[in-house]
Amino acid sequence: MAASYLRACALPPPPGLAERQGARWGHLASMLDAGVNSPPTSSAGRLFDAVAALVGLRDRVNYEGQAAIELEQLAWGASGEVRDVRGYPARVDGPVLRGTDLVRGVLADVAVGIGPTLIAARFHAGLVDLLARAARDARARTGLGVVALSGGVFQNTLLLAGLCERLESDGFEVLTHSRVPPNDAGISFGQVVVAIARDRRAHPPGG
């Protein structure tokens, strides 16, 4: 994911990243060139994976969400609250949120020697701001004032708390998970509900 975001930004890798990968870095470039095993994704989790590698935190994961979890833990180590940290600016183009802008901010700080803890905090603050502005833009287009925060990225308590605070201060009603988790377990639960509903439709009681 780091290689993919670097390509999207048309920027070289930060010092050490390509060297840590050795020949694998060239193989990744060839795969991206050919579009082999590299489907496009809009996943926030994959953005976290990229940033974790770019700051030298983790290049590979042993379980789903590991890089994102460690990046959040790193951000908690920044002095002060994340809401007081200047986040990286990023554009909202209609329904498209420019995660590449956050990556550019990360790389700019890496280049001048900013430590990974502060970079992680700035990344989180920038993502909170990006999502809050996207919600405001959507409300301006649709008139809707209710926001549901769902998906595995919202297991990140730093992101969730910061975004809830921003949205509520902007007058939104914010819905969050309480009984069903926001990650893939919630998807599985929804799939079961759909399957049961289809079965009942096909085989109604007494039918």
Protein backbone atom coordinates (compact mmCIF):
# COMPACT_ATOMS: atom_id res chain seq x y z
CA MET A 1 0.00 0.00 0.00
CA ALA A 2 2.91 2.36 0.64
CA ALA A 3 4.19 1.67 -2.87
CA SER A 4 0.74 2.26 -4.32
CA TYR A 5 0.22 5.58 -2.53
CA LEU A 6 3.71 6.76 -3.47
CA ARG A 7 2.91 6.02 -7.09
CA ALA A 8 -0.39 7.90 -6.84
CA CYS A 9 1.51 10.87 -5.38
CA ALA A 10 4.31 10.57 -7.96
CA LEU A 11 6.85 10.70 -5.12
CA PRO A 12 9.92 8.60 -4.30
CA PRO A 13 9.96 6.39 -1.20
CA PRO A 14 11.33 7.86 2.03
CA PRO A 15 14.83 6.77 3.04
CA GLY A 16 15.01 3.15 4.13
CA LEU A 17 11.66 1.91 2.82
CA ALA A 18 12.82 0.49 -0.51
CA GLU A 19 16.07 -0.73 1.05
CA ARG A 20 14.16 -2.71 3.69
CA GLN A 21 12.24 -4.49 0.95
CA GLY A 22 15.22 -5.36 -1.22
CA ALA A 23 14.26 -7.03 -4.52
CA ARG A 24 10.64 -7.13 -3.39
CA TRP A 25 10.33 -3.39 -3.99
CA GLY A 26 11.04 -3.84 -7.68
CA HIS A 27 8.57 -6.71 -7.86
CA LEU A 28 5.89 -4.50 -6.31
CA ALA A 29 6.56 -1.80 -8.90
CA SER A 30 6.20 -4.35 -11.71
CA MET A 31 2.92 -5.62 -10.27
CA LEU A 32 1.55 -2.09 -10.03
CA ASP A 33 2.65 -1.34 -13.61
CA ALA A 34 0.88 -4.45 -14.89
CA GLY A 35 -2.13 -4.21 -12.58
CA VAL A 36 -1.47 -7.71 -11.24
CA ASN A 37 -3.05 -8.55 -7.87
CA SER A 38 -3.49 -4.84 -7.22
CA PRO A 39 -7.20 -3.97 -7.33
CA PRO A 40 -8.16 -0.37 -6.46
CA THR A 41 -9.38 0.16 -2.92
CA SER A 42 -10.96 3.03 -0.99
CA SER A 43 -10.41 1.33 2.38
CA ALA A 44 -9.34 3.59 5.22
CA GLY A 45 -7.51 0.64 6.70
CA ARG A 46 -5.24 0.43 3.66
CA LEU A 47 -4.41 4.13 4.07
CA PHE A 48 -3.32 3.39 7.64
CA ASP A 49 -1.18 0.51 6.35
CA ALA A 50 0.56 2.85 3.92
CA VAL A 51 1.27 5.53 6.53
CA ALA A 52 2.58 2.97 9.03
CA ALA A 53 5.14 1.83 6.45
CA LEU A 54 6.05 5.36 5.37
CA VAL A 55 6.94 6.40 8.94
CA GLY A 56 8.95 3.20 9.46
CA LEU A 57 6.54 1.71 11.98
CA ARG A 58 5.66 -1.53 10.17
CA ASP A 59 6.08 -2.80 6.60
CA ARG A 60 4.12 -6.04 6.96
CA VAL A 61 1.28 -7.16 9.21
CA ASN A 62 0.72 -10.45 11.00
CA TYR A 63 -3.03 -9.90 11.44
CA GLU A 64 -5.73 -7.66 10.03
CA GLY A 65 -5.54 -4.11 11.38
CA GLN A 66 -2.16 -4.51 13.09
CA ALA A 67 -0.55 -1.49 11.41
CA ALA A 68 -3.59 0.69 12.10
CA ILE A 69 -3.66 -0.33 15.75
CA GLU A 70 0.03 0.44 16.20
CA LEU A 71 -0.30 3.76 14.38
CA GLU A 72 -3.13 4.75 16.73
CA GLN A 73 -1.05 3.72 19.76
CA LEU A 74 1.81 5.84 18.42
CA ALA A 75 -0.48 8.85 18.00
CA TRP A 76 -1.64 8.58 21.61
CA GLY A 77 1.96 9.21 22.62
CA ALA A 78 1.94 12.73 21.17
CA SER A 79 1.96 15.50 23.74
CA GLY A 80 -1.43 17.11 24.24
CA GLU A 81 -4.71 16.06 22.70
CA VAL A 82 -4.83 15.16 19.02
CA ARG A 83 -7.49 17.83 18.56
CA ASP A 84 -4.82 20.37 19.49
CA VAL A 85 -2.37 19.01 16.88
CA ARG A 86 -2.28 20.59 13.44
CA GLY A 87 -3.55 17.98 11.01
CA TYR A 88 -2.40 17.54 7.44
CA PRO A 89 -4.66 19.41 4.98
CA ALA A 90 -6.54 17.30 2.45
CA ARG A 91 -9.09 18.01 -0.25
CA VAL A 92 -12.71 16.92 -0.48
CA ASP A 93 -13.80 16.64 -4.12
CA GLY A 94 -17.49 15.81 -3.90
CA PRO A 95 -17.71 12.18 -2.77
CA VAL A 96 -13.95 11.69 -3.23
CA LEU A 97 -11.68 12.22 -0.24
CA ARG A 98 -8.04 12.77 -1.19
CA GLY A 99 -6.11 10.42 1.05
CA THR A 100 -3.08 11.13 -1.11
CA ASP A 101 -2.99 14.63 0.39
CA LEU A 102 -2.54 13.13 3.85
CA VAL A 103 0.26 10.93 2.51
CA ARG A 104 1.97 14.00 1.02
CA GLY A 105 1.84 15.66 4.44
CA VAL A 106 3.30 12.58 6.09
CA LEU A 107 6.14 12.42 3.56
CA ALA A 108 6.91 16.13 3.93
CA ASP A 109 7.33 15.70 7.68
CA VAL A 110 9.39 12.54 7.27
CA ALA A 111 11.70 14.43 4.89
CA VAL A 112 12.50 17.11 7.48
CA GLY A 113 13.01 14.67 10.34
CA ILE A 114 9.74 15.03 12.24
CA GLY A 115 9.33 12.06 14.60
CA PRO A 116 6.81 9.30 13.88
CA THR A 117 4.79 9.98 17.03
CA LEU A 118 3.92 13.53 15.98
CA ILE A 119 3.37 12.43 12.38
CA ALA A 120 0.91 9.78 13.56
CA ALA A 121 -0.97 12.41 15.58
CA ARG A 122 -1.03 14.85 12.65
CA PHE A 123 -2.29 12.10 10.37
CA HIS A 124 -5.15 11.28 12.74
CA ALA A 125 -6.03 14.96 13.14
CA GLY A 126 -5.96 15.46 9.38
CA LEU A 127 -8.23 12.46 8.82
CA VAL A 128 -10.71 13.74 11.42
CA ASP A 129 -10.80 17.11 9.67
CA LEU A 130 -11.16 15.50 6.24
CA LEU A 131 -14.09 13.33 7.31
CA ALA A 132 -15.81 16.21 9.14
CA ARG A 133 -15.58 18.44 6.07
CA ALA A 134 -16.87 15.61 3.86
CA ALA A 135 -19.90 15.28 6.13
CA ARG A 136 -20.56 19.03 5.95
CA ASP A 137 -20.30 18.96 2.16
CA ALA A 138 -22.69 16.02 1.97
CA ARG A 139 -25.18 17.83 4.23
CA ALA A 140 -25.00 20.89 1.99
CA ARG A 141 -25.85 18.73 -1.03
CA THR A 142 -28.52 16.52 0.53
CA GLY A 143 -29.87 18.28 3.61
CA LEU A 144 -29.20 15.16 5.70
CA GLY A 145 -27.93 15.81 9.20
CA VAL A 146 -27.44 12.27 10.54
CA VAL A 147 -24.05 10.54 10.24
CA ALA A 148 -23.48 6.83 10.89
CA LEU A 149 -19.86 5.98 11.68
CA SER A 150 -19.24 2.38 10.66
CA GLY A 151 -16.44 0.22 9.32
CA GLY A 152 -13.40 -1.31 10.95
CA VAL A 153 -11.52 1.99 11.05
CA PHE A 154 -13.93 3.17 13.74
CA GLN A 155 -12.52 0.67 16.19
CA ASN A 156 -9.86 3.36 16.41
CA THR A 157 -10.98 5.20 19.54
CA LEU A 158 -8.80 8.22 18.81
CA LEU A 159 -10.40 8.70 15.41
CA LEU A 160 -13.90 7.91 16.66
CA ALA A 161 -13.80 10.29 19.63
CA GLY A 162 -12.26 13.11 17.63
CA LEU A 163 -14.73 12.80 14.77
CA CYS A 164 -17.76 12.48 17.04
CA GLU A 165 -16.74 15.67 18.84
CA ARG A 166 -16.29 17.55 15.56
CA LEU A 167 -19.54 16.34 14.02
CA GLU A 168 -21.63 17.00 17.10
CA SER A 169 -20.16 20.50 17.40
CA ASP A 170 -21.21 21.00 13.76
CA GLY A 171 -24.80 20.08 14.63
CA PHE A 172 -24.89 16.51 13.32
CA GLU A 173 -26.67 13.62 14.97
CA VAL A 174 -23.97 10.94 15.17
CA LEU A 175 -24.77 7.21 15.22
CA THR A 176 -22.12 4.77 16.45
CA HIS A 177 -22.04 1.04 17.19
CA SER A 178 -23.00 -0.30 20.59
CA ARG A 179 -24.12 -3.94 20.34
CA VAL A 180 -22.65 -4.96 16.97
CA PRO A 181 -18.98 -4.17 16.23
CA PRO A 182 -18.17 -1.85 13.30
CA ASN A 183 -15.61 -4.17 11.67
CA ASP A 184 -15.97 -7.37 9.62
CA ALA A 185 -17.82 -9.04 12.49
CA GLY A 186 -20.62 -6.53 11.92
CA ILE A 187 -20.64 -7.39 8.21
CA SER A 188 -20.93 -11.07 9.07
CA PHE A 189 -23.84 -10.34 11.39
CA GLY A 190 -25.56 -8.39 8.61
CA GLN A 191 -25.03 -11.25 6.16
CA VAL A 192 -26.70 -13.64 8.60
CA VAL A 193 -29.67 -11.26 8.97
CA VAL A 194 -30.04 -11.02 5.18
CA ALA A 195 -29.79 -14.82 4.79
CA ILE A 196 -32.49 -15.37 7.43
CA ALA A 197 -34.76 -12.79 5.79
CA ARG A 198 -34.35 -14.42 2.36
CA ASP A 199 -35.02 -17.87 3.84
CA ARG A 200 -38.21 -16.64 5.52
CA ARG A 201 -39.34 -15.01 2.30
CA ALA A 202 -38.78 -18.23 0.38
CA HIS A 203 -40.27 -20.42 3.12
CA PRO A 204 -42.87 -18.36 5.01
CA PRO A 205 -44.26 -19.89 8.23
CA GLY A 206 -47.29 -22.02 7.43
CA GLY A 207 -46.52 -21.78 3.70
